[in-house]
Amino acid sequence: MTHDCSQTVSTEAIYPFDARGVAKRFRHAAIFGALQALQVGETMRFCNDHDPIPLLMQIGSRFGPRVEISYVQRMPGEIVIDFLIAA
């Protein structure tokens, strides 16, 4: 079953972020800004058309254990990742 990133997530603490609609040159800055805006216990559900391995490494370096990363869906062309603000 594939995840539809255009659907609003029903849980109040999960916020969708569809990177496919953000110009490539602004994506990382927009993602970092969105993560910084989240409070502890909130999640950003990230959707993309490719697996963003370099971005995940940058998030790990920048935020450390404050951001927990878990794949919701990992299929070619359809990547969904939850970024949970832990502490």
N, C-alpha and C. Protein backbone atom coordinates (compact mmCIF):
# COMPACT_ATOMS: atom_id res chain seq x y z
N MET A 1 0.84 -1.18 0.00
CA MET A 1 0.00 0.00 0.00
C MET A 1 0.89 1.24 0.00
N THR A 2 0.60 2.19 -0.86
CA THR A 2 1.39 3.40 -0.93
C THR A 2 0.76 4.51 -0.10
N HIS A 3 1.60 5.40 0.36
CA HIS A 3 1.14 6.54 1.15
C HIS A 3 0.82 7.69 0.22
N ASP A 4 -0.28 8.38 0.44
CA ASP A 4 -0.67 9.52 -0.38
C ASP A 4 -0.28 10.80 0.37
N CYS A 5 0.78 11.44 -0.07
CA CYS A 5 1.28 12.62 0.62
C CYS A 5 0.37 13.83 0.48
N SER A 6 -0.59 13.77 -0.42
CA SER A 6 -1.50 14.89 -0.57
C SER A 6 -2.61 14.87 0.47
N GLN A 7 -2.76 13.75 1.17
CA GLN A 7 -3.78 13.64 2.19
C GLN A 7 -3.29 14.24 3.50
N THR A 8 -4.16 14.98 4.17
CA THR A 8 -3.83 15.53 5.47
C THR A 8 -3.77 14.41 6.48
N VAL A 9 -2.74 14.41 7.30
CA VAL A 9 -2.59 13.40 8.33
C VAL A 9 -3.53 13.76 9.47
N SER A 10 -4.29 12.79 9.96
CA SER A 10 -5.33 13.07 10.94
C SER A 10 -4.80 13.37 12.34
N THR A 11 -3.67 12.81 12.70
CA THR A 11 -3.12 13.04 14.03
C THR A 11 -2.60 14.47 14.11
N GLU A 12 -2.97 15.19 15.15
CA GLU A 12 -2.59 16.59 15.27
C GLU A 12 -1.09 16.82 15.32
N ALA A 13 -0.34 15.88 15.83
CA ALA A 13 1.10 16.07 16.01
C ALA A 13 1.91 15.62 14.80
N ILE A 14 1.28 15.30 13.67
CA ILE A 14 2.01 14.91 12.47
C ILE A 14 1.71 15.93 11.37
N TYR A 15 2.78 16.54 10.84
CA TYR A 15 2.64 17.58 9.83
C TYR A 15 3.29 17.14 8.53
N PRO A 16 2.53 17.14 7.42
CA PRO A 16 3.08 16.70 6.14
C PRO A 16 4.04 17.74 5.55
N PHE A 17 5.09 17.24 4.91
CA PHE A 17 6.03 18.08 4.18
C PHE A 17 6.34 17.35 2.89
N ASP A 18 5.79 17.83 1.78
CA ASP A 18 6.01 17.21 0.48
C ASP A 18 7.13 17.95 -0.23
N ALA A 19 8.32 17.38 -0.21
CA ALA A 19 9.50 18.02 -0.78
C ALA A 19 9.42 18.13 -2.30
N ARG A 20 8.57 17.35 -2.92
CA ARG A 20 8.47 17.37 -4.38
C ARG A 20 7.96 18.71 -4.89
N GLY A 21 7.31 19.50 -4.04
CA GLY A 21 6.79 20.79 -4.45
C GLY A 21 7.70 21.96 -4.12
N VAL A 22 8.89 21.67 -3.60
CA VAL A 22 9.84 22.72 -3.22
C VAL A 22 11.00 22.70 -4.21
N ALA A 23 11.37 23.87 -4.71
CA ALA A 23 12.50 23.96 -5.65
C ALA A 23 13.74 23.32 -5.02
N LYS A 24 14.48 22.56 -5.81
CA LYS A 24 15.63 21.81 -5.29
C LYS A 24 16.62 22.68 -4.54
N ARG A 25 16.85 23.89 -5.01
CA ARG A 25 17.86 24.73 -4.36
C ARG A 25 17.43 25.22 -2.98
N PHE A 26 16.12 25.11 -2.67
CA PHE A 26 15.62 25.56 -1.37
C PHE A 26 15.23 24.41 -0.44
N ARG A 27 15.26 23.17 -0.93
CA ARG A 27 14.72 22.04 -0.17
C ARG A 27 15.35 21.86 1.20
N HIS A 28 16.67 21.76 1.26
CA HIS A 28 17.31 21.47 2.54
C HIS A 28 17.05 22.58 3.55
N ALA A 29 17.14 23.82 3.12
CA ALA A 29 16.88 24.94 4.03
C ALA A 29 15.43 24.90 4.53
N ALA A 30 14.50 24.58 3.64
CA ALA A 30 13.08 24.50 4.04
C ALA A 30 12.86 23.35 5.02
N ILE A 31 13.51 22.23 4.79
CA ILE A 31 13.37 21.08 5.68
C ILE A 31 13.96 21.38 7.05
N PHE A 32 15.15 21.98 7.08
CA PHE A 32 15.76 22.33 8.36
C PHE A 32 14.89 23.32 9.12
N GLY A 33 14.34 24.30 8.42
CA GLY A 33 13.45 25.28 9.06
C GLY A 33 12.20 24.63 9.63
N ALA A 34 11.63 23.71 8.86
CA ALA A 34 10.43 23.01 9.33
C ALA A 34 10.74 22.18 10.57
N LEU A 35 11.87 21.49 10.58
CA LEU A 35 12.25 20.69 11.74
C LEU A 35 12.49 21.57 12.97
N GLN A 36 13.09 22.72 12.78
CA GLN A 36 13.35 23.63 13.90
C GLN A 36 12.05 24.18 14.47
N ALA A 37 11.00 24.25 13.67
CA ALA A 37 9.72 24.80 14.13
C ALA A 37 8.90 23.80 14.94
N LEU A 38 9.25 22.51 14.86
CA LEU A 38 8.49 21.49 15.57
C LEU A 38 8.82 21.47 17.06
N GLN A 39 7.83 21.08 17.85
CA GLN A 39 7.99 20.93 19.29
C GLN A 39 8.22 19.45 19.63
N VAL A 40 8.69 19.19 20.82
CA VAL A 40 8.90 17.81 21.27
C VAL A 40 7.59 17.03 21.14
N GLY A 41 7.68 15.83 20.56
CA GLY A 41 6.52 14.98 20.37
C GLY A 41 5.83 15.16 19.03
N GLU A 42 6.20 16.21 18.28
CA GLU A 42 5.60 16.43 16.96
C GLU A 42 6.44 15.73 15.90
N THR A 43 5.77 15.40 14.80
CA THR A 43 6.40 14.67 13.70
C THR A 43 6.18 15.40 12.39
N MET A 44 7.23 15.45 11.58
CA MET A 44 7.09 15.92 10.20
C MET A 44 7.11 14.68 9.31
N ARG A 45 6.04 14.48 8.55
CA ARG A 45 5.98 13.36 7.61
C ARG A 45 6.46 13.87 6.25
N PHE A 46 7.64 13.44 5.88
CA PHE A 46 8.37 13.91 4.70
C PHE A 46 8.10 12.98 3.51
N CYS A 47 7.72 13.56 2.38
CA CYS A 47 7.49 12.79 1.15
C CYS A 47 8.45 13.27 0.08
N ASN A 48 9.00 12.32 -0.67
CA ASN A 48 9.96 12.66 -1.71
C ASN A 48 9.94 11.59 -2.80
N ASP A 49 10.56 11.91 -3.93
CA ASP A 49 10.59 10.96 -5.04
C ASP A 49 11.86 10.11 -5.05
N HIS A 50 12.79 10.39 -4.13
CA HIS A 50 14.02 9.58 -4.02
C HIS A 50 14.42 9.50 -2.55
N ASP A 51 15.25 8.52 -2.25
CA ASP A 51 15.73 8.31 -0.89
C ASP A 51 16.82 9.35 -0.60
N PRO A 52 16.58 10.26 0.34
CA PRO A 52 17.49 11.39 0.56
C PRO A 52 18.62 11.09 1.55
N ILE A 53 19.46 10.14 1.23
CA ILE A 53 20.52 9.70 2.14
C ILE A 53 21.42 10.87 2.58
N PRO A 54 21.91 11.73 1.66
CA PRO A 54 22.74 12.85 2.12
C PRO A 54 21.99 13.78 3.08
N LEU A 55 20.71 14.02 2.82
CA LEU A 55 19.90 14.85 3.72
C LEU A 55 19.80 14.21 5.10
N LEU A 56 19.58 12.92 5.15
CA LEU A 56 19.47 12.22 6.44
C LEU A 56 20.76 12.35 7.24
N MET A 57 21.90 12.28 6.56
CA MET A 57 23.18 12.45 7.25
C MET A 57 23.32 13.88 7.77
N GLN A 58 22.87 14.86 6.98
CA GLN A 58 22.93 16.25 7.42
C GLN A 58 22.02 16.49 8.62
N ILE A 59 20.84 15.90 8.60
CA ILE A 59 19.92 16.03 9.73
C ILE A 59 20.54 15.42 10.99
N GLY A 60 21.14 14.24 10.83
CA GLY A 60 21.81 13.60 11.96
C GLY A 60 22.92 14.46 12.53
N SER A 61 23.71 15.07 11.66
CA SER A 61 24.80 15.94 12.11
C SER A 61 24.28 17.21 12.77
N ARG A 62 23.24 17.77 12.20
CA ARG A 62 22.73 19.06 12.67
C ARG A 62 21.88 18.94 13.94
N PHE A 63 21.04 17.90 14.00
CA PHE A 63 20.09 17.78 15.11
C PHE A 63 20.43 16.68 16.09
N GLY A 64 21.29 15.74 15.71
CA GLY A 64 21.66 14.64 16.59
C GLY A 64 20.45 13.81 17.00
N PRO A 65 20.45 13.34 18.25
CA PRO A 65 19.36 12.47 18.70
C PRO A 65 18.03 13.21 18.91
N ARG A 66 18.02 14.52 18.75
CA ARG A 66 16.78 15.29 18.91
C ARG A 66 15.74 14.88 17.86
N VAL A 67 16.21 14.44 16.68
CA VAL A 67 15.30 14.03 15.61
C VAL A 67 15.44 12.53 15.37
N GLU A 68 14.35 11.80 15.58
CA GLU A 68 14.32 10.37 15.29
C GLU A 68 13.78 10.18 13.87
N ILE A 69 14.45 9.36 13.09
CA ILE A 69 14.11 9.16 11.68
C ILE A 69 13.58 7.74 11.50
N SER A 70 12.39 7.62 10.88
CA SER A 70 11.87 6.28 10.58
C SER A 70 11.12 6.30 9.25
N TYR A 71 11.41 5.30 8.44
CA TYR A 71 10.76 5.19 7.14
C TYR A 71 9.33 4.68 7.32
N VAL A 72 8.39 5.33 6.67
CA VAL A 72 7.01 4.88 6.61
C VAL A 72 6.84 4.06 5.33
N GLN A 73 7.49 4.51 4.28
CA GLN A 73 7.44 3.83 2.98
C GLN A 73 8.76 4.06 2.27
N ARG A 74 9.29 2.99 1.68
CA ARG A 74 10.59 3.08 1.00
C ARG A 74 10.53 2.26 -0.28
N MET A 75 9.90 2.86 -1.29
CA MET A 75 9.78 2.22 -2.59
C MET A 75 10.39 3.16 -3.64
N PRO A 76 10.91 2.63 -4.73
CA PRO A 76 11.46 3.51 -5.76
C PRO A 76 10.42 4.56 -6.20
N GLY A 77 10.82 5.82 -6.12
CA GLY A 77 9.94 6.90 -6.52
C GLY A 77 8.93 7.33 -5.49
N GLU A 78 8.83 6.61 -4.37
CA GLU A 78 7.86 6.94 -3.32
C GLU A 78 8.48 6.71 -1.95
N ILE A 79 9.06 7.78 -1.43
CA ILE A 79 9.72 7.71 -0.13
C ILE A 79 8.92 8.54 0.87
N VAL A 80 8.60 7.95 2.02
CA VAL A 80 7.92 8.67 3.09
C VAL A 80 8.70 8.38 4.37
N ILE A 81 9.11 9.47 5.03
CA ILE A 81 9.90 9.35 6.25
C ILE A 81 9.27 10.22 7.34
N ASP A 82 9.18 9.67 8.55
CA ASP A 82 8.74 10.44 9.70
C ASP A 82 9.96 10.95 10.45
N PHE A 83 9.95 12.25 10.75
CA PHE A 83 10.97 12.87 11.58
C PHE A 83 10.27 13.28 12.88
N LEU A 84 10.55 12.57 13.95
CA LEU A 84 9.94 12.83 15.25
C LEU A 84 10.91 13.64 16.10
N ILE A 85 10.41 14.71 16.69
CA ILE A 85 11.22 15.52 17.60
C ILE A 85 11.16 14.85 18.97
N ALA A 86 12.30 14.30 19.40
CA ALA A 86 12.35 13.49 20.61
C ALA A 86 12.63 14.31 21.87
N ALA A 87 13.57 15.18 21.80
CA ALA A 87 13.93 15.98 22.99
C ALA A 87 14.78 17.15 22.61
